[in-house]
Amino acid sequence: MALASAAAENAALNGLDGTGSTNTMTHVSLHTASPSTTGANENANSGSYARQSCSWNAASSGSKTNSTALTFSTAGTTAVTHFGTWNSATYGAGTYAIGGALGSSVTAASITIASGAITLSAS
């Protein structure tokens, strides 16, 4: 289940009628628990962790997937369970858009999410 912020919901609705032009999903983050609708629980900003720039495939059949592979560096000692999307590369800054659960919990110093592995669905 994806959790969208009010900003993402507004951007989606504005996009439907052609009045929107704000990309709220330029970067992807990792989270240690549900990001809820605010982007909470982002992985600790330590070591080499950074949000990753992400491109997206065109929506098809009500879904959208990432078109770029993403590789994150983490401390490798804390499990990450969720991802989030933001309009900023800077930890603690920007507008959170939408996120969801990873397929499984991952604890590793280097975490790669393959192209097409993140699916966002409109339902």
C-alpha atoms as a PDB file:
ATOM      1  CA  MET A   1       0.000   0.000   0.000  1.00  0.00           C
ATOM      2  CA  ALA A   2       1.454   3.350  -1.030  1.00  0.00           C
ATOM      3  CA  LEU A   3       1.186   6.284   1.319  1.00  0.00           C
ATOM      4  CA  ALA A   4       0.865   9.648  -0.421  1.00  0.00           C
ATOM      5  CA  SER A   5       1.297  13.091   1.060  1.00  0.00           C
ATOM      6  CA  ALA A   6      -1.236  15.862   0.493  1.00  0.00           C
ATOM      7  CA  ALA A   7       1.308  17.512  -1.842  1.00  0.00           C
ATOM      8  CA  ALA A   8       1.474  14.352  -3.985  1.00  0.00           C
ATOM      9  CA  GLU A   9      -2.302  14.014  -4.058  1.00  0.00           C
ATOM     10  CA  ASN A  10      -2.637  17.656  -5.146  1.00  0.00           C
ATOM     11  CA  ALA A  11       0.077  17.246  -7.816  1.00  0.00           C
ATOM     12  CA  ALA A  12      -1.678  14.136  -9.162  1.00  0.00           C
ATOM     13  CA  LEU A  13      -5.032  15.881  -9.349  1.00  0.00           C
ATOM     14  CA  ASN A  14      -3.489  18.964 -10.979  1.00  0.00           C
ATOM     15  CA  GLY A  15      -1.734  16.709 -13.479  1.00  0.00           C
ATOM     16  CA  LEU A  16      -5.045  15.164 -14.496  1.00  0.00           C
ATOM     17  CA  ASP A  17      -6.447  18.493 -15.643  1.00  0.00           C
ATOM     18  CA  GLY A  18      -3.173  19.812 -17.057  1.00  0.00           C
ATOM     19  CA  THR A  19      -2.656  22.579 -14.491  1.00  0.00           C
ATOM     20  CA  GLY A  20       0.240  20.930 -12.677  1.00  0.00           C
ATOM     21  CA  SER A  21       3.911  20.962 -13.615  1.00  0.00           C
ATOM     22  CA  THR A  22       5.682  20.114 -10.353  1.00  0.00           C
ATOM     23  CA  ASN A  23       7.716  16.895 -10.222  1.00  0.00           C
ATOM     24  CA  THR A  24       7.490  15.718  -6.623  1.00  0.00           C
ATOM     25  CA  MET A  25       9.369  12.448  -7.247  1.00  0.00           C
ATOM     26  CA  THR A  26      12.907  13.386  -8.321  1.00  0.00           C
ATOM     27  CA  HIS A  27      14.647  11.399  -5.570  1.00  0.00           C
ATOM     28  CA  VAL A  28      14.128   8.141  -3.670  1.00  0.00           C
ATOM     29  CA  SER A  29      14.939   7.553   0.000  1.00  0.00           C
ATOM     30  CA  LEU A  30      15.151   4.483   2.244  1.00  0.00           C
ATOM     31  CA  HIS A  31      13.207   4.201   5.501  1.00  0.00           C
ATOM     32  CA  THR A  32      13.481   2.004   8.605  1.00  0.00           C
ATOM     33  CA  ALA A  33       9.688   1.929   9.093  1.00  0.00           C
ATOM     34  CA  SER A  34       6.648   3.267   7.267  1.00  0.00           C
ATOM     35  CA  PRO A  35       7.189   6.813   5.936  1.00  0.00           C
ATOM     36  CA  SER A  36       3.466   7.386   6.553  1.00  0.00           C
ATOM     37  CA  THR A  37       2.262  10.522   4.747  1.00  0.00           C
ATOM     38  CA  THR A  38       5.158  12.728   5.931  1.00  0.00           C
ATOM     39  CA  GLY A  39       8.360  10.891   4.977  1.00  0.00           C
ATOM     40  CA  ALA A  40       9.043   9.839   8.572  1.00  0.00           C
ATOM     41  CA  ASN A  41      11.660   7.242   9.540  1.00  0.00           C
ATOM     42  CA  GLU A  42      14.193   8.020   6.796  1.00  0.00           C
ATOM     43  CA  ASN A  43      17.411   6.024   7.107  1.00  0.00           C
ATOM     44  CA  ALA A  44      19.986   7.753   9.332  1.00  0.00           C
ATOM     45  CA  ASN A  45      21.944  10.476   7.573  1.00  0.00           C
ATOM     46  CA  SER A  46      25.330   9.001   8.401  1.00  0.00           C
ATOM     47  CA  GLY A  47      28.252   7.629   6.460  1.00  0.00           C
ATOM     48  CA  SER A  48      27.632   7.786   2.732  1.00  0.00           C
ATOM     49  CA  TYR A  49      23.814   7.537   2.794  1.00  0.00           C
ATOM     50  CA  ALA A  50      22.107   9.880   0.353  1.00  0.00           C
ATOM     51  CA  ARG A  51      18.806  10.024  -1.468  1.00  0.00           C
ATOM     52  CA  GLN A  52      19.173   8.807  -5.036  1.00  0.00           C
ATOM     53  CA  SER A  53      18.060  10.640  -8.180  1.00  0.00           C
ATOM     54  CA  CYS A  54      15.374   8.664  -9.982  1.00  0.00           C
ATOM     55  CA  SER A  55      13.679   8.690 -13.374  1.00  0.00           C
ATOM     56  CA  TRP A  56      10.311   7.073 -14.005  1.00  0.00           C
ATOM     57  CA  ASN A  57       8.737   5.150 -16.855  1.00  0.00           C
ATOM     58  CA  ALA A  58       5.496   6.503 -18.291  1.00  0.00           C
ATOM     59  CA  ALA A  59       2.408   5.307 -16.443  1.00  0.00           C
ATOM     60  CA  SER A  60       0.660   2.319 -17.973  1.00  0.00           C
ATOM     61  CA  SER A  61      -2.458   0.470 -16.781  1.00  0.00           C
ATOM     62  CA  GLY A  62      -2.613   2.663 -13.676  1.00  0.00           C
ATOM     63  CA  SER A  63       0.976   1.972 -12.563  1.00  0.00           C
ATOM     64  CA  LYS A  64       4.349   3.688 -12.816  1.00  0.00           C
ATOM     65  CA  THR A  65       7.811   2.121 -12.284  1.00  0.00           C
ATOM     66  CA  ASN A  66      11.322   3.459 -11.781  1.00  0.00           C
ATOM     67  CA  SER A  67      13.365   3.505 -14.996  1.00  0.00           C
ATOM     68  CA  THR A  68      16.744   3.765 -13.281  1.00  0.00           C
ATOM     69  CA  ALA A  69      18.514   1.371 -10.917  1.00  0.00           C
ATOM     70  CA  LEU A  70      19.258   2.948  -7.527  1.00  0.00           C
ATOM     71  CA  THR A  71      22.221   2.124  -5.292  1.00  0.00           C
ATOM     72  CA  PHE A  72      22.295   3.355  -1.703  1.00  0.00           C
ATOM     73  CA  SER A  73      25.119   3.260   0.834  1.00  0.00           C
ATOM     74  CA  THR A  74      24.076   2.703   4.440  1.00  0.00           C
ATOM     75  CA  ALA A  75      25.792   1.893   7.718  1.00  0.00           C
ATOM     76  CA  GLY A  76      24.743  -1.701   7.115  1.00  0.00           C
ATOM     77  CA  THR A  77      23.553  -2.228  10.677  1.00  0.00           C
ATOM     78  CA  THR A  78      19.895  -1.172  10.488  1.00  0.00           C
ATOM     79  CA  ALA A  79      17.182  -2.864   8.446  1.00  0.00           C
ATOM     80  CA  VAL A  80      15.417  -0.738   5.866  1.00  0.00           C
ATOM     81  CA  THR A  81      11.852  -1.736   5.081  1.00  0.00           C
ATOM     82  CA  HIS A  82      10.359   1.100   3.022  1.00  0.00           C
ATOM     83  CA  PHE A  83      11.130   3.647   0.314  1.00  0.00           C
ATOM     84  CA  GLY A  84       9.967   7.220  -0.169  1.00  0.00           C
ATOM     85  CA  THR A  85       9.982   9.802  -2.945  1.00  0.00           C
ATOM     86  CA  TRP A  86      10.981  13.447  -2.604  1.00  0.00           C
ATOM     87  CA  ASN A  87      11.582  16.559  -4.688  1.00  0.00           C
ATOM     88  CA  SER A  88      14.979  17.101  -3.030  1.00  0.00           C
ATOM     89  CA  ALA A  89      18.293  15.291  -2.775  1.00  0.00           C
ATOM     90  CA  THR A  90      18.946  16.840   0.641  1.00  0.00           C
ATOM     91  CA  TYR A  91      18.263  14.740   3.746  1.00  0.00           C
ATOM     92  CA  GLY A  92      15.673  16.441   5.952  1.00  0.00           C
ATOM     93  CA  ALA A  93      14.611  18.851   3.191  1.00  0.00           C
ATOM     94  CA  GLY A  94      12.112  18.996   0.391  1.00  0.00           C
ATOM     95  CA  THR A  95       8.579  17.742  -0.049  1.00  0.00           C
ATOM     96  CA  TYR A  96       7.745  14.100   0.546  1.00  0.00           C
ATOM     97  CA  ALA A  97       5.461  12.657  -2.140  1.00  0.00           C
ATOM     98  CA  ILE A  98       4.716   8.940  -1.855  1.00  0.00           C
ATOM     99  CA  GLY A  99       6.321   5.761  -0.603  1.00  0.00           C
ATOM    100  CA  GLY A 100       5.688   2.170   0.296  1.00  0.00           C
ATOM    101  CA  ALA A 101       7.089  -1.080   1.588  1.00  0.00           C
ATOM    102  CA  LEU A 102      10.065  -2.839   0.019  1.00  0.00           C
ATOM    103  CA  GLY A 103       9.511  -6.443  -1.045  1.00  0.00           C
ATOM    104  CA  SER A 104      11.496  -7.520   2.026  1.00  0.00           C
ATOM    105  CA  SER A 105      13.563  -6.028   4.819  1.00  0.00           C
ATOM    106  CA  VAL A 106      17.216  -5.376   3.859  1.00  0.00           C
ATOM    107  CA  THR A 107      20.252  -4.900   6.107  1.00  0.00           C
ATOM    108  CA  ALA A 108      23.366  -4.230   4.023  1.00  0.00           C
ATOM    109  CA  ALA A 109      26.024  -1.567   3.504  1.00  0.00           C
ATOM    110  CA  SER A 110      25.073  -1.327  -0.179  1.00  0.00           C
ATOM    111  CA  ILE A 111      21.450  -1.670  -1.274  1.00  0.00           C
ATOM    112  CA  THR A 112      20.479  -1.730  -4.949  1.00  0.00           C
ATOM    113  CA  ILE A 113      16.922  -1.381  -6.199  1.00  0.00           C
ATOM    114  CA  ALA A 114      16.701  -2.606  -9.790  1.00  0.00           C
ATOM    115  CA  SER A 115      15.113  -0.647 -12.595  1.00  0.00           C
ATOM    116  CA  GLY A 116      11.398  -1.450 -12.605  1.00  0.00           C
ATOM    117  CA  ALA A 117      11.416  -2.766  -9.012  1.00  0.00           C
ATOM    118  CA  ILE A 118       9.447   0.149  -7.535  1.00  0.00           C
ATOM    119  CA  THR A 119       5.829   0.188  -8.634  1.00  0.00           C
ATOM    120  CA  LEU A 120       3.448   3.017  -7.773  1.00  0.00           C
ATOM    121  CA  SER A 121      -0.221   2.332  -8.522  1.00  0.00           C
ATOM    122  CA  ALA A 122      -3.271   4.547  -8.695  1.00  0.00           C
ATOM    123  CA  SER A 123      -6.210   2.808  -7.104  1.00  0.00           C
END
